[in-house]
Amino acid sequence: SKAAQVLMVSQPALSNVLSQLEAELGVPLFERSGKKLMINASGKLFLRTTKNILHLLDDSLSNLKNQQTIAG
């Protein structure tokens, strides 16, 4: 519920997205206990890897913009 509030989406919508992601990846990312959701080892690995990818993307975009500024 807290994550849904932060993301400004409904809790059921967020649960659906997370379930779809797990189904697509073929691995659970969270341990579920009643209404509690805790990230598991696979989820932590996926999060770390995804953050690295997003940082690389940001760096790539910055490099492209800098290259255009210098060349332009």
Foldseek 3Di string as FASTA:
>chain_A
DVVCVVVVHDPVVVVVVQVVVCVVVVHHQWDDDPPDTHGDPVVVVVVVVVVVVVVVVVVVVVVVVVVVVVVD
